[in-house]
C-alpha cells in the first residue's frame, strides 16, 4: 500500500476517496530507559532508547492506519500526518503517543 504525506501522486489519479483513516500507539517509557536517557541528555548525545520507542510507536500507528484503509478497500493513503506527544503521569514516568492520520483512496492502477 502506498503511503504519502502529499495529497497528489505523480502519474496516478485518485478514482475514489474513501475517508479519513487513523492509527494510534501509546507506549510506556520504561523507568530505567528514562533514567539513562536523562543521564545521556545531561552529558550530551542521542538517546537510543527513546529513538527506538518513537520508531516502534510510529510503525504501530502507521500499520493500524493501513489496516483501516485496507478494510475500506483502499490501495493508498494520501495526506498522511504524524503527530508525536508525551503524556506525563507524574512520579517520573511517562508515555509516548504517536498518531497517524490520512485519507484512504483508490488509485487508478492503469496509469
Protein backbone atom coordinates (compact mmCIF):
# COMPACT_ATOMS: atom_id res chain seq x y z
CA UNK A 1 0.00 0.00 0.00
CA UNK A 2 1.30 3.42 -0.95
CA UNK A 3 1.51 5.87 1.95
CA UNK A 4 2.43 9.51 1.32
CA UNK A 5 2.31 12.87 3.05
CA UNK A 6 1.39 14.56 -0.23
CA UNK A 7 -2.18 14.89 -1.49
CA UNK A 8 -1.29 14.00 -5.07
CA UNK A 9 0.87 11.28 -6.56
CA UNK A 10 2.68 11.98 -9.80
CA UNK A 11 1.36 9.78 -12.60
CA UNK A 12 -1.57 8.45 -10.52
CA UNK A 13 -5.19 9.50 -10.47
CA UNK A 14 -7.45 9.17 -7.43
CA UNK A 15 -10.68 7.47 -8.54
CA UNK A 16 -12.36 7.22 -5.14
CA UNK A 17 -11.94 8.97 -1.80
CA UNK A 18 -12.90 6.57 0.99
CA UNK A 19 -12.48 8.81 4.01
CA UNK A 20 -10.26 9.52 6.97
CA UNK A 21 -8.24 6.70 8.48
CA UNK A 22 -6.05 6.82 11.56
CA UNK A 23 -3.89 4.77 13.84
CA UNK A 24 -2.58 5.41 17.31
CA UNK A 25 0.10 3.94 19.51
CA UNK A 26 0.78 4.68 23.15
CA UNK A 27 3.87 3.11 24.65
CA UNK A 28 5.07 3.33 28.22
CA UNK A 29 8.59 4.60 28.64
CA UNK A 30 10.45 2.24 30.96
CA UNK A 31 11.74 3.90 34.15
CA UNK A 32 15.28 2.62 33.51
CA UNK A 33 15.23 3.96 29.96
CA UNK A 34 14.03 7.29 31.38
CA UNK A 35 16.86 7.31 33.90
CA UNK A 36 19.59 6.53 31.36
CA UNK A 37 18.08 8.88 28.78
CA UNK A 38 18.23 11.64 31.41
CA UNK A 39 21.91 10.93 32.02
CA UNK A 40 22.60 10.93 28.29
CA UNK A 41 20.78 14.28 27.96
CA UNK A 42 22.98 15.75 30.72
CA UNK A 43 26.25 14.65 29.09
CA UNK A 44 25.03 15.18 25.53
CA UNK A 45 24.35 12.79 22.71
CA UNK A 46 21.33 11.00 21.41
CA UNK A 47 19.01 8.78 23.41
CA UNK A 48 18.86 5.48 21.53
CA UNK A 49 16.22 4.17 23.96
CA UNK A 50 13.78 6.99 23.19
CA UNK A 51 14.56 6.90 19.47
CA UNK A 52 13.78 3.19 19.41
CA UNK A 53 10.48 3.66 21.28
CA UNK A 54 9.44 6.51 18.97
CA UNK A 55 10.25 4.43 15.89
CA UNK A 56 8.27 1.49 17.28
CA UNK A 57 5.25 3.68 18.10
CA UNK A 58 5.34 5.27 14.63
CA UNK A 59 5.41 1.86 12.95
CA UNK A 60 2.44 0.65 15.03
CA UNK A 61 0.39 3.79 14.27
CA UNK A 62 1.11 3.55 10.53
CA UNK A 63 0.28 -0.17 10.49
CA UNK A 64 -3.08 0.46 12.20
CA UNK A 65 -3.84 3.24 9.71
CA UNK A 66 -3.02 0.96 6.75
CA UNK A 67 -5.21 -1.85 8.15
CA UNK A 68 -8.13 0.58 8.43
CA UNK A 69 -7.55 1.74 4.85
CA UNK A 70 -7.39 -1.85 3.53
CA UNK A 71 -10.66 -2.66 5.28
CA UNK A 72 -12.27 0.19 3.31
CA UNK A 73 -10.85 -1.15 0.03
CA UNK A 74 -8.11 1.46 -0.39
CA UNK A 75 -4.83 0.89 -2.17
CA UNK A 76 -3.22 4.11 -0.88
CA UNK A 77 -3.36 6.68 1.91
CA UNK A 78 -2.59 10.28 1.00
CA UNK A 79 -2.07 13.43 3.06
CA UNK A 80 -0.60 11.46 5.96
CA UNK A 81 0.19 13.44 9.11
CA UNK A 82 2.19 12.09 12.05
CA UNK A 83 1.83 13.63 15.50
CA UNK A 84 4.07 12.89 18.48
CA UNK A 85 3.12 13.64 22.08
CA UNK A 86 4.43 12.81 25.53
CA UNK A 87 1.99 12.06 28.30
CA UNK A 88 3.30 12.51 31.82
CA UNK A 89 1.64 10.53 34.56
CA UNK A 90 3.70 12.07 37.36
CA UNK A 91 6.33 10.41 39.50
CA UNK A 92 8.94 10.43 36.75
CA UNK A 93 7.06 8.08 34.44
CA UNK A 94 5.62 8.93 31.09
CA UNK A 95 4.20 7.59 27.90
CA UNK A 96 4.87 8.24 24.24
CA UNK A 97 1.92 8.70 21.91
CA UNK A 98 2.10 8.69 18.13
CA UNK A 99 -0.91 9.19 15.91
CA UNK A 100 -1.06 8.83 12.14
CA UNK A 101 -3.95 10.02 10.01
CA UNK A 102 -4.63 10.41 6.32
CA UNK A 103 -7.19 9.94 3.56
CA UNK A 104 -7.83 6.44 2.26
CA UNK A 105 -8.13 6.43 -1.53
CA UNK A 106 -8.34 4.14 -4.51
CA UNK A 107 -5.76 4.96 -7.18
CA UNK A 108 -6.28 4.10 -10.84
CA UNK A 109 -3.86 1.19 -11.33
CA UNK A 110 -3.89 1.54 -15.13
CA UNK A 111 -1.62 4.56 -15.15
